[in-house]
Structure formats: structure tokens, C-alpha cells
């Protein structure tokens, strides 16, 4: 009689399929324990995990339309997890559920992604002791419908009633009209309806950390201030941003939450020197204390001014970290140069991922389309970062276009058996950018749409007056007494 081991020796090992790899990847990120605090309506028969799976394949689909992508996602989830795992059966039901439950699902899912990011890329998550987060904003176009225009366009100012023709005729009719003065401020508006996206991006891991949406006229600084109040950040978080994120009130909001910042400054910032506070006076110590803060008897901000050279000229940065040992000049330069990756993240979202113009014709669905598109893109980057970190590849080498091609090719035929060398982890490890040395310039010689932005220039640094020094000492003494 043959033993069980001898009986199974002649069998060929069962080949793994693309669907097996996709299930393992989804289960590594998602789980029922993530959504324990989500409260569903009593008539709902599906679980939050089923809806999130369907939403992921919806935004990963290569179909050009939202309805076709929903049908494709429903068929894919039925093949991978069974027909009972399909949360809803139509595009209308999917979008209705996402509009209602995204405010609950989004924080829980993003917290899970953040924990996996820090666990998988532990070595690159911090520069020294700092966790660097870049902040920036960009606009995303939505279809020109009446509802989208009402939600995302800036409201027009109401004009006064025009005078009737009879009143205009008379002895003043032949008088020359006065010249209209040009606008004293620059306030450009979007040509069509657009959504404003403010993105917080992890510089070391090169992955989105958090984001916020709003109309096209939103303020990115206001978005960041709202995120600071609502979201808990890890210890020693360092916010790095360009010259648009300046101002006494904005910097104070970061410091009040117990975090630090590294911000570029230019001619739009006025700083003081020699204010005479109890800080070791060095050549790189400056103060931010505008007149409004001084009149309100608010304390001045003690900052450290850093200077670097890039390809275009001098770069001036300020930080509240005064000790050189805590944040060296080399670390500050590395963090700020890495901030440029947030611009590449916007390009990947709009061009590579195809979200330069959304497809939803109503504001509610447009918002969930962008939210879940960002979540889907972040998950793809997280899967690639996990495998490439284990293989020793730096995070900067990830090719988002290659990752997207791999996932979509596996979704197209989930039941196809594959070789061990063609598994999802091995293919993700090879999804890196080319390593050849470029010898020619990448930009064209004559690019008519290129936007030549002026350099920010150096900040305005003034010597503190006697009145300012006296007021500073008065504010400091009041703080001590309190």
C-alpha cells in the first residue's frame, strides 16, 4: 500500500494565478478590523471591506468611463472573491454608497496606509529624528456642468444696477468718461470648474500622507491649518513647503500643535535682526514679528535662516529648529531638495494616472472620484515600495507607470496561471525607472507654454528698532508672569 507522501509525490504543484497575487496584496492592506468603528444603515447587507475592495478596482480600472469602470470592477471582484463578496451591483448603487460612507471610511483606511508606510519603509521614514512632510496644492479640472460650476467656481461679485438710458441722456451725456484704474491686486481665476487639492506628502517614503479637497479658490494654507487641528501627526514631524506657505499666523499654527517647519522665504517676507531676546545671538538668528502681531502683544517667532544654492540661484529657508545639532544644514538641504517630489506626485496623478480631468458630472461624485483615485494610487505605490525596499531599491526608483501596467494586466486576466518569476512581488521589484545616464537636456529648445516664474529673491531683513526691542522685552516679561 502506498503512503500518502508517495501518493502525492507524482502530482504536479498547483500553479499560482494572477488572482492569487491580487488577493494577497489586497488582504495585506485591507482587513475587517480596520472598519470596526464604521456605522452602516440597518438595511445594508454588505460589509465595509466589500465596498472598499470594489472602490479600489473601480479606480484601478482602465475603462475610460465611470459606468464602464464600475461594471469592470464588479466583474473583477466577483472573479477574485466570489459573487457574494460584491457589495453592490450597479454604478448608481456604488456611487451612492461611497458618497454616504466615504467620510467614515477615508480616515480609517488612511490611518492603516500610514502605519504600513512607516512599517515597510522604516529606514527612510525619518531624516535624523525628523519625519519630513511636504505641503503643496494644485487644481484638478472637472467637467463643465452647472452643478460643478456652482460648487467649484468662485462666486461672481454682484454688480450694481445699470442706469437707464433716459437718466444717462442730458447735460452729462457728452462728458468724457474717466479712465478705469487697473486692479491693484492679482486675483486669477480658473477658466472652468476646477477642484483644489492640498496634498501632504512624505518626503522620505515618497508617498502621499494626507490630502484635502475644496473649490478652485481655496487657500492651501487654510487647508493645512485645518488638517493640523483635525489630524494627529507622529512625534518630531517637520513640515517643508515652498514660499507660498509663509506668514506669522500660519507658522504659529504649526508651533501650537507641537510640530516644526522648514519653509522657503523670499521678498514676500519681512524678518528682523537684533531684537535682543534671550537667545544666543548668531548670524543666522532672525525674528518674525509683523506689526499686527506686535500691536496684539503676541510674542515674536525666533527662527534660524539658512542659505543654499540651487541651479537658479540662492535659496533662503527658515526653521524654528535653532540647534544645529538637531537639524544640520546638510539635513535641511536634503529635506528641501526632496520636497520637489510632491510636484512629481501631482504629475503622476494627472498624467500617468489620467486624472488631469475628472469624469464625474456632479460635485459629490467628483469628490469621491478624486478621493478614491488618490487612495488607489497610494496603495499601488505602497505595494511597490514594500517589495522594492526589501530588495534594497531606494524609494525614488519606483516607476508609477510600470506599477499601473502590472496591476491592470493582472486584473485583465486574473485566472491566468503564471510562473514563479512572474509573481506580483517580483514584478513590483522590477518596476523601477531607467538607470541610464542622460547626456542631453530633457526640455525642448522652444516650448511656448513654459511658464517662466520669477525667482523669489532674498527676504527683507531689517534691524530691530528701539521701540521693537522694548516691546519684545515687555511681551517676554508678561509671558513669564503668566
Protein backbone atom coordinates (compact mmCIF):
# COMPACT_ATOMS: atom_id res chain seq x y z
CA UNK A 1 0.00 0.00 0.00
CA UNK A 2 1.42 3.41 -0.98
CA UNK A 3 1.78 6.04 1.71
CA UNK A 4 0.16 9.44 1.41
CA UNK A 5 3.58 11.01 0.77
CA UNK A 6 4.29 8.56 -2.04
CA UNK A 7 0.78 9.03 -3.42
CA UNK A 8 1.26 12.81 -3.69
CA UNK A 9 4.80 12.69 -4.95
CA UNK A 10 3.82 12.30 -8.57
CA UNK A 11 1.39 15.25 -8.58
CA UNK A 12 2.42 18.48 -10.14
CA UNK A 13 2.35 21.50 -7.81
CA UNK A 14 -0.61 23.75 -8.47
CA UNK A 15 0.41 26.91 -10.28
CA UNK A 16 -0.39 30.26 -8.75
CA UNK A 17 -2.56 32.69 -10.71
CA UNK A 18 -2.69 36.45 -11.05
CA UNK A 19 -5.84 36.41 -8.93
CA UNK A 20 -3.97 34.76 -6.05
CA UNK A 21 -1.39 37.55 -6.08
CA UNK A 22 -4.05 40.25 -6.21
CA UNK A 23 -5.95 38.71 -3.29
CA UNK A 24 -2.80 38.55 -1.16
CA UNK A 25 -1.92 42.17 -1.98
CA UNK A 26 -5.43 43.42 -1.14
CA UNK A 27 -5.59 41.38 2.08
CA UNK A 28 -2.21 42.77 3.20
CA UNK A 29 -3.61 46.30 3.14
CA UNK A 30 -7.27 45.72 3.96
CA UNK A 31 -8.96 43.83 6.76
CA UNK A 32 -12.26 43.78 8.66
CA UNK A 33 -10.58 45.09 11.81
CA UNK A 34 -9.87 48.47 10.13
CA UNK A 35 -13.55 49.41 9.86
CA UNK A 36 -14.85 48.39 13.29
CA UNK A 37 -15.97 51.96 14.04
CA UNK A 38 -17.87 52.40 10.76
CA UNK A 39 -21.63 52.58 11.33
CA UNK A 40 -23.80 51.34 8.47
CA UNK A 41 -27.51 51.72 7.86
CA UNK A 42 -29.65 48.92 9.22
CA UNK A 43 -30.79 47.75 5.78
CA UNK A 44 -27.21 47.37 4.45
CA UNK A 45 -26.26 43.73 3.93
CA UNK A 46 -22.65 44.20 2.82
CA UNK A 47 -19.56 44.88 4.94
CA UNK A 48 -17.36 47.99 4.62
CA UNK A 49 -14.45 45.83 3.41
CA UNK A 50 -16.52 44.68 0.41
CA UNK A 51 -17.30 48.26 -0.57
CA UNK A 52 -13.65 49.34 -0.24
CA UNK A 53 -12.49 46.43 -2.43
CA UNK A 54 -14.99 47.40 -5.09
CA UNK A 55 -13.94 51.06 -4.92
CA UNK A 56 -10.26 50.09 -5.35
CA UNK A 57 -10.87 48.09 -8.52
CA UNK A 58 -13.17 50.87 -9.72
CA UNK A 59 -10.37 53.44 -9.69
CA UNK A 60 -7.77 50.91 -10.91
CA UNK A 61 -9.82 50.05 -13.98
CA UNK A 62 -8.52 51.06 -17.41
CA UNK A 63 -12.04 51.79 -18.72
CA UNK A 64 -12.45 55.43 -19.83
CA UNK A 65 -15.91 55.99 -18.34
CA UNK A 66 -17.03 55.75 -14.72
CA UNK A 67 -20.00 53.48 -15.52
CA UNK A 68 -17.87 51.09 -17.56
CA UNK A 69 -15.19 51.11 -14.84
CA UNK A 70 -17.84 50.19 -12.23
CA UNK A 71 -19.06 47.26 -14.33
CA UNK A 72 -15.47 46.13 -14.81
CA UNK A 73 -14.80 46.36 -11.05
CA UNK A 74 -17.94 44.36 -10.17
CA UNK A 75 -16.88 41.57 -12.56
CA UNK A 76 -13.31 41.57 -11.20
CA UNK A 77 -14.38 41.37 -7.55
CA UNK A 78 -16.77 38.50 -8.40
CA UNK A 79 -13.90 36.56 -10.02
CA UNK A 80 -11.45 37.16 -7.19
CA UNK A 81 -13.61 36.95 -4.06
CA UNK A 82 -16.84 35.32 -5.26
CA UNK A 83 -20.18 36.78 -6.24
CA UNK A 84 -21.28 37.00 -2.59
CA UNK A 85 -18.40 39.43 -1.89
CA UNK A 86 -19.78 42.02 -4.35
CA UNK A 87 -21.16 44.87 -2.25
CA UNK A 88 -23.37 46.49 -4.89
CA UNK A 89 -24.34 45.58 -8.43
CA UNK A 90 -24.55 48.90 -10.29
CA UNK A 91 -22.74 52.19 -10.76
CA UNK A 92 -25.54 54.16 -9.13
CA UNK A 93 -25.50 51.96 -6.03
CA UNK A 94 -21.70 52.18 -5.83
CA UNK A 95 -21.53 55.97 -6.01
CA UNK A 96 -24.47 56.37 -3.62
CA UNK A 97 -22.74 54.18 -1.05
CA UNK A 98 -19.39 55.93 -1.48
CA UNK A 99 -20.93 59.40 -1.16
CA UNK A 100 -22.59 58.37 2.09
CA UNK A 101 -19.81 56.33 3.73
CA UNK A 102 -16.56 57.86 2.43
CA UNK A 103 -16.37 60.34 5.39
CA UNK A 104 -16.22 57.30 7.70
CA UNK A 105 -14.08 55.01 5.53
CA UNK A 106 -11.48 57.59 4.49
CA UNK A 107 -9.86 58.29 7.92
CA UNK A 108 -9.75 54.60 8.91
CA UNK A 109 -8.26 53.49 5.59
CA UNK A 110 -5.71 56.29 5.50
CA UNK A 111 -4.58 55.54 9.06
CA UNK A 112 -3.99 51.92 8.02
CA UNK A 113 -1.98 53.01 4.98
CA UNK A 114 0.14 55.38 7.09
CA UNK A 115 1.01 52.64 9.56
CA UNK A 116 2.02 50.28 6.72
CA UNK A 117 4.11 53.03 5.15
CA UNK A 118 6.12 53.58 8.33
CA UNK A 119 6.46 49.84 8.96
CA UNK A 120 7.57 48.94 5.43
CA UNK A 121 9.94 51.90 4.92
CA UNK A 122 11.22 52.34 8.44
CA UNK A 123 14.77 53.23 7.37
CA UNK A 124 13.67 56.03 5.02
CA UNK A 125 10.80 57.36 7.12
CA UNK A 126 12.95 59.88 9.02
CA UNK A 127 15.87 62.20 8.32
CA UNK A 128 17.74 62.23 11.59
CA UNK A 129 14.92 62.34 14.12
CA UNK A 130 12.55 64.29 11.85
CA UNK A 131 9.62 62.90 9.87
CA UNK A 132 9.56 65.21 6.82
CA UNK A 133 6.19 66.12 5.30
CA UNK A 134 5.92 68.34 2.21
CA UNK A 135 2.85 70.51 1.61
CA UNK A 136 1.65 71.83 -1.74
CA UNK A 137 -1.52 72.44 -3.72
CA UNK A 138 -2.78 72.01 -7.26
CA UNK A 139 -6.00 72.27 -9.26
CA UNK A 140 -7.79 69.35 -10.93
CA UNK A 141 -10.28 70.04 -13.73
CA UNK A 142 -13.84 68.72 -13.59
CA UNK A 143 -16.47 68.63 -16.39
CA UNK A 144 -18.17 71.93 -17.16
CA UNK A 145 -21.63 71.35 -15.79
CA UNK A 146 -23.87 73.80 -13.97
CA UNK A 147 -23.58 71.93 -10.67
CA UNK A 148 -19.79 71.76 -10.87
CA UNK A 149 -19.57 75.46 -11.71
CA UNK A 150 -21.77 76.40 -8.75
CA UNK A 151 -19.72 74.30 -6.34
CA UNK A 152 -16.13 74.82 -7.51
CA UNK A 153 -16.07 78.23 -9.24
CA UNK A 154 -15.58 81.43 -7.30
CA UNK A 155 -18.89 83.29 -6.88
CA UNK A 156 -19.11 86.38 -9.02
CA UNK A 157 -19.49 89.72 -7.34
CA UNK A 158 -22.89 91.26 -7.83
CA UNK A 159 -22.78 94.45 -9.87
CA UNK A 160 -24.94 97.47 -9.22
CA UNK A 161 -27.96 98.19 -11.33
CA UNK A 162 -27.27 99.90 -14.61
CA UNK A 163 -28.67 103.35 -15.07
CA UNK A 164 -31.46 103.66 -17.54
CA UNK A 165 -30.79 105.39 -20.85
CA UNK A 166 -33.10 108.24 -20.01
CA UNK A 167 -31.04 109.13 -16.96
CA UNK A 168 -27.80 109.00 -18.91
CA UNK A 169 -29.07 111.41 -21.50
CA UNK A 170 -28.73 115.03 -20.51
CA UNK A 171 -26.10 117.61 -19.92
CA UNK A 172 -23.60 114.97 -18.68
CA UNK A 173 -24.01 112.74 -21.72
CA UNK A 174 -21.17 114.35 -23.73
CA UNK A 175 -18.68 114.40 -20.89
CA UNK A 176 -15.68 112.15 -21.28
CA UNK A 177 -15.62 109.05 -19.17
CA UNK A 178 -12.89 108.71 -16.59
CA UNK A 179 -10.26 106.11 -17.15
CA UNK A 180 -10.80 102.94 -15.19
CA UNK A 181 -7.93 102.02 -12.94
CA UNK A 182 -6.44 98.57 -13.26
CA UNK A 183 -6.78 96.09 -10.45
CA UNK A 184 -4.48 96.78 -7.53
CA UNK A 185 -4.14 93.05 -6.76
CA UNK A 186 -3.61 89.90 -8.80
CA UNK A 187 -6.53 87.51 -8.38
CA UNK A 188 -6.55 84.97 -11.23
CA UNK A 189 -9.50 82.62 -11.54
CA UNK A 190 -9.86 79.26 -13.18
CA UNK A 191 -11.13 79.21 -16.75
CA UNK A 192 -13.54 76.36 -15.99
CA UNK A 193 -14.70 74.48 -12.89
CA UNK A 194 -11.73 73.06 -11.02
CA UNK A 195 -11.17 71.39 -7.67
CA UNK A 196 -8.36 72.44 -5.36
CA UNK A 197 -6.22 69.62 -3.96
CA UNK A 198 -3.92 70.30 -0.99
CA UNK A 199 -1.54 67.39 -0.54
CA UNK A 200 0.70 66.42 2.36
CA UNK A 201 3.44 64.15 1.02
CA UNK A 202 6.04 62.10 2.88
CA UNK A 203 9.44 63.19 1.55
CA UNK A 204 11.42 60.13 2.70
CA UNK A 205 8.96 57.46 1.54
CA UNK A 206 7.76 59.50 -1.46
CA UNK A 207 4.12 58.65 -0.77
CA UNK A 208 1.00 60.76 -0.11
CA UNK A 209 0.32 61.16 3.60
CA UNK A 210 -2.94 63.14 3.70
CA UNK A 211 -4.95 65.49 1.49
CA UNK A 212 -7.89 67.84 1.49
CA UNK A 213 -10.24 68.98 -1.28
CA UNK A 214 -12.02 72.26 -1.87
CA UNK A 215 -13.25 74.72 -4.53
CA UNK A 216 -10.81 76.25 -7.02
CA UNK A 217 -10.41 79.40 -4.91
CA UNK A 218 -9.41 77.53 -1.71
CA UNK A 219 -6.39 78.50 0.35
CA UNK A 220 -3.75 75.81 0.72
CA UNK A 221 -2.51 77.38 3.95
CA UNK A 222 -6.02 77.28 5.40
CA UNK A 223 -6.31 73.62 4.38
CA UNK A 224 -3.06 72.77 6.18
CA UNK A 225 -4.20 74.63 9.29
CA UNK A 226 -7.46 72.65 9.29
CA UNK A 227 -5.55 69.38 8.87
CA UNK A 228 -3.26 70.29 11.77
CA UNK A 229 -6.28 70.71 14.04
CA UNK A 230 -8.06 67.52 12.95
CA UNK A 231 -5.18 65.06 12.40
CA UNK A 232 -2.61 63.65 14.79
CA UNK A 233 0.92 63.57 13.41
CA UNK A 234 3.85 61.49 14.69
CA UNK A 235 6.38 62.96 17.07
CA UNK A 236 9.01 65.27 15.53
CA UNK A 237 7.06 65.96 12.34
CA UNK A 238 8.77 68.58 10.17
CA UNK A 239 6.67 70.43 7.58
CA UNK A 240 8.54 71.56 4.49
CA UNK A 241 6.98 73.87 1.91
CA UNK A 242 7.71 76.49 -0.71
CA UNK A 243 7.39 80.27 -0.49
CA UNK A 244 3.57 80.19 -0.59
CA UNK A 245 3.33 78.83 2.97
CA UNK A 246 4.56 81.87 4.87
CA UNK A 247 3.07 84.13 7.50
CA UNK A 248 3.14 84.65 11.24
CA UNK A 249 -0.29 83.11 11.80
CA UNK A 250 0.43 80.02 9.71
CA UNK A 251 3.77 79.36 11.40
CA UNK A 252 2.21 79.86 14.81
CA UNK A 253 -0.45 77.25 14.00
CA UNK A 254 2.31 74.68 13.31
CA UNK A 255 4.16 75.54 16.52
CA UNK A 256 0.96 75.47 18.61
CA UNK A 257 0.41 71.85 17.57
CA UNK A 258 3.93 70.93 18.74
CA UNK A 259 5.50 70.49 15.28
CA UNK A 260 8.35 72.16 13.39
CA UNK A 261 8.74 73.65 9.91
CA UNK A 262 11.28 74.33 7.18
CA UNK A 263 9.85 76.93 4.78
CA UNK A 264 11.35 78.82 1.86
CA UNK A 265 11.11 82.59 2.16
CA UNK A 266 11.62 85.39 -0.33
CA UNK A 267 10.82 89.03 -0.88
CA UNK A 268 7.29 88.48 0.44
CA UNK A 269 8.62 88.02 4.00
CA UNK A 270 9.99 90.66 6.35
CA UNK A 271 12.30 89.50 9.13
CA UNK A 272 14.04 91.30 11.98
CA UNK A 273 17.54 91.06 13.40
CA UNK A 274 18.91 92.12 16.77
CA UNK A 275 15.63 92.04 18.68
CA UNK A 276 17.57 91.30 21.86
CA UNK A 277 15.60 88.34 23.23
CA UNK A 278 17.25 85.78 25.45
CA UNK A 279 18.57 83.73 22.56
CA UNK A 280 22.20 83.27 21.76
CA UNK A 281 22.81 85.92 19.12
CA UNK A 282 24.22 84.33 15.99
CA UNK A 283 24.40 85.50 12.42
CA UNK A 284 21.64 83.12 11.35
CA UNK A 285 19.10 84.08 14.06
CA UNK A 286 16.15 86.16 12.77
CA UNK A 287 12.71 87.06 14.10
CA UNK A 288 9.27 87.08 12.53
CA UNK A 289 7.21 89.76 14.24
CA UNK A 290 4.88 91.74 11.98
CA UNK A 291 3.27 94.96 13.16
CA UNK A 292 -0.14 93.33 13.64
CA UNK A 293 1.33 90.71 16.00
CA UNK A 294 3.26 93.40 17.86
CA UNK A 295 0.15 95.51 18.37
CA UNK A 296 -1.74 92.46 19.66
CA UNK A 297 1.18 91.81 22.04
CA UNK A 298 1.83 88.39 20.55
CA UNK A 299 5.36 87.01 21.03
CA UNK A 300 7.86 87.13 18.14
CA UNK A 301 8.92 83.91 16.44
CA UNK A 302 12.61 83.11 16.84
CA UNK A 303 13.86 81.49 13.61
CA UNK A 304 17.03 80.27 12.01
CA UNK A 305 17.88 81.46 8.49
CA UNK A 306 19.57 79.01 6.11
CA UNK A 307 21.04 79.71 2.69
CA UNK A 308 21.66 77.25 -0.14
CA UNK A 309 22.50 77.42 -3.83
CA UNK A 310 20.49 75.59 -6.47
CA UNK A 311 20.63 75.74 -10.25
CA UNK A 312 18.78 79.07 -10.42
CA UNK A 313 20.33 80.98 -7.54
CA UNK A 314 20.21 81.32 -3.77
CA UNK A 315 17.52 79.62 -1.71
CA UNK A 316 16.57 81.04 1.70
CA UNK A 317 14.90 78.82 4.29
CA UNK A 318 13.67 79.49 7.81
CA UNK A 319 13.08 76.96 10.56
CA UNK A 320 12.14 77.10 14.20
CA UNK A 321 14.83 74.47 14.99
CA UNK A 322 17.63 76.66 16.29
CA UNK A 323 20.06 73.95 17.35
CA UNK A 324 22.44 72.94 14.56
CA UNK A 325 22.86 69.52 16.16
CA UNK A 326 19.14 68.73 15.86
CA UNK A 327 18.84 69.79 12.21
CA UNK A 328 22.11 70.21 10.34
CA UNK A 329 22.47 72.27 7.19
CA UNK A 330 23.03 69.08 5.19
CA UNK A 331 19.82 67.54 6.51
CA UNK A 332 17.85 70.73 5.81
CA UNK A 333 19.19 70.86 2.26
CA UNK A 334 18.36 67.19 1.69
CA UNK A 335 14.81 67.62 3.01
CA UNK A 336 14.10 70.71 0.93
CA UNK A 337 15.52 69.20 -2.25
CA UNK A 338 13.36 66.12 -1.66
CA UNK A 339 10.30 68.40 -1.44
CA UNK A 340 10.33 68.61 -5.24
CA UNK A 341 8.90 65.08 -5.30
CA UNK A 342 5.45 66.41 -4.42
CA UNK A 343 5.40 68.13 -7.83
CA UNK A 344 6.20 64.77 -9.45
CA UNK A 345 3.36 63.23 -7.44
CA UNK A 346 0.92 65.72 -8.97
CA UNK A 347 2.28 64.89 -12.42
CA UNK A 348 1.84 61.17 -11.78
CA UNK A 349 -1.73 61.70 -10.60
CA UNK A 350 -2.73 63.88 -13.54
CA UNK A 351 -0.73 62.48 -16.45
CA UNK A 352 0.31 58.90 -15.65
CA UNK A 353 -2.85 58.03 -13.73
CA UNK A 354 -5.07 60.05 -16.07
CA UNK A 355 -6.75 62.34 -13.54
CA UNK A 356 -5.91 65.71 -15.07
CA UNK A 357 -9.64 65.98 -15.75
CA UNK A 358 -12.13 64.03 -13.71
CA UNK A 359 -15.11 62.32 -15.30
CA UNK A 360 -17.87 62.92 -12.76
CA UNK A 361 -20.53 65.44 -13.75
CA UNK A 362 -21.77 66.20 -10.23
CA UNK A 363 -19.74 67.67 -7.34
CA UNK A 364 -20.44 64.85 -4.87
CA UNK A 365 -19.26 62.12 -7.24
CA UNK A 366 -16.31 64.24 -8.42
CA UNK A 367 -15.07 64.48 -4.84
CA UNK A 368 -15.30 60.75 -4.20
CA UNK A 369 -13.69 60.05 -7.58
CA UNK A 370 -10.65 62.12 -6.62
CA UNK A 371 -10.54 60.80 -3.04
CA UNK A 372 -10.59 57.16 -4.11
CA UNK A 373 -8.27 57.77 -7.06
CA UNK A 374 -5.69 59.13 -4.62
CA UNK A 375 -6.26 56.20 -2.28
CA UNK A 376 -5.87 53.73 -5.16
CA UNK A 377 -2.69 55.39 -6.40
CA UNK A 378 -1.25 55.46 -2.86
CA UNK A 379 -1.96 51.74 -2.43
CA UNK A 380 -0.17 50.93 -5.69
CA UNK A 381 2.85 52.96 -4.64
CA UNK A 382 2.78 51.30 -1.21
CA UNK A 383 2.82 47.81 -2.74
CA UNK A 384 5.77 48.74 -4.93
CA UNK A 385 7.63 50.45 -2.08
CA UNK A 386 7.26 47.38 0.15
CA UNK A 387 8.80 45.00 -2.37
CA UNK A 388 11.49 47.39 -3.57
CA UNK A 389 12.56 48.25 -0.02
CA UNK A 390 13.05 44.55 0.73
CA UNK A 391 15.13 44.25 -2.45
CA UNK A 392 17.28 47.25 -1.49
CA UNK A 393 15.95 49.64 -4.13
CA UNK A 394 15.52 53.25 -2.98
CA UNK A 395 12.01 54.71 -3.00
CA UNK A 396 12.99 57.26 -5.64
CA UNK A 397 13.39 54.49 -8.23
CA UNK A 398 9.70 53.49 -8.37
CA UNK A 399 8.04 53.83 -11.78
CA UNK A 400 4.34 54.52 -11.23
CA UNK A 401 3.60 53.89 -14.91
CA UNK A 402 5.15 50.41 -14.68
CA UNK A 403 3.26 49.62 -11.48
CA UNK A 404 -0.03 50.67 -13.07
CA UNK A 405 0.65 48.49 -16.13
CA UNK A 406 1.41 45.47 -13.94
CA UNK A 407 -1.78 45.76 -11.88
CA UNK A 408 -4.01 46.34 -14.90
CA UNK A 409 -2.50 43.42 -16.82
CA UNK A 410 -3.17 41.12 -13.86
CA UNK A 411 -6.72 42.45 -13.46
CA UNK A 412 -7.39 41.77 -17.16
CA UNK A 413 -6.83 38.02 -16.68
CA UNK A 414 -6.93 37.05 -13.00
CA UNK A 415 -7.34 33.30 -13.65
CA UNK A 416 -4.22 33.01 -15.82
CA UNK A 417 -1.53 30.76 -14.25
CA UNK A 418 1.86 32.42 -14.02
CA UNK A 419 5.44 31.36 -13.40
CA UNK A 420 7.14 31.98 -10.07
CA UNK A 421 9.32 34.62 -11.71
CA UNK A 422 6.19 36.49 -12.87
CA UNK A 423 4.62 36.87 -9.42
CA UNK A 424 3.34 40.25 -8.30
CA UNK A 425 6.17 40.81 -5.76
CA UNK A 426 8.90 40.01 -8.29
CA UNK A 427 7.28 42.20 -10.94
CA UNK A 428 6.90 45.05 -8.44
CA UNK A 429 10.59 44.81 -7.57
CA UNK A 430 11.46 45.35 -11.23
CA UNK A 431 9.03 48.29 -11.65
CA UNK A 432 11.74 50.93 -11.41
CA UNK A 433 12.76 53.87 -13.53
CA UNK A 434 15.51 53.52 -16.12
CA UNK A 435 19.06 53.91 -14.86
CA UNK A 436 20.82 55.12 -17.98
CA UNK A 437 22.83 58.32 -17.92
CA UNK A 438 21.14 61.18 -19.74
CA UNK A 439 23.57 63.32 -21.76
CA UNK A 440 21.17 65.73 -23.48
CA UNK A 441 18.77 68.23 -21.95
CA UNK A 442 15.27 66.90 -21.45
CA UNK A 443 13.43 70.12 -22.20
CA UNK A 444 12.82 71.26 -25.78
CA UNK A 445 14.56 74.25 -27.26
CA UNK A 446 11.37 76.22 -27.86
CA UNK A 447 8.48 75.39 -25.58
CA UNK A 448 5.82 78.09 -25.97
CA UNK A 449 3.68 77.06 -22.97
CA UNK A 450 6.54 77.11 -20.49
CA UNK A 451 5.77 79.30 -17.51
CA UNK A 452 8.78 81.41 -16.55
CA UNK A 453 8.23 82.21 -12.90
CA UNK A 454 10.37 84.92 -11.30
CA UNK A 455 12.76 83.90 -8.56
CA UNK A 456 11.55 84.65 -5.05
CA UNK A 457 14.71 86.57 -4.20
CA UNK A 458 16.06 87.16 -0.69
CA UNK A 459 13.80 88.03 2.25
CA UNK A 460 13.66 91.59 3.60
CA UNK A 461 15.80 91.67 6.75
CA UNK A 462 15.62 94.81 8.89
CA UNK A 463 17.35 95.79 12.10
CA UNK A 464 15.02 95.98 15.08
CA UNK A 465 14.28 99.48 16.36
CA UNK A 466 14.47 100.56 19.99
CA UNK A 467 10.68 100.54 20.24
CA UNK A 468 10.50 96.98 18.92
CA UNK A 469 13.15 95.81 21.38
CA UNK A 470 11.31 97.43 24.29
CA UNK A 471 8.00 95.89 23.26
CA UNK A 472 9.63 92.49 22.84
CA UNK A 473 11.02 92.61 26.38
CA UNK A 474 7.60 93.66 27.65
CA UNK A 475 5.87 90.74 25.94
CA UNK A 476 8.52 88.34 27.26
CA UNK A 477 8.09 89.59 30.83
CA UNK A 478 4.31 89.16 30.60
CA UNK A 479 4.76 85.58 29.41
CA UNK A 480 6.97 84.81 32.37
CA UNK A 481 4.49 86.35 34.81
CA UNK A 482 1.68 84.25 33.31
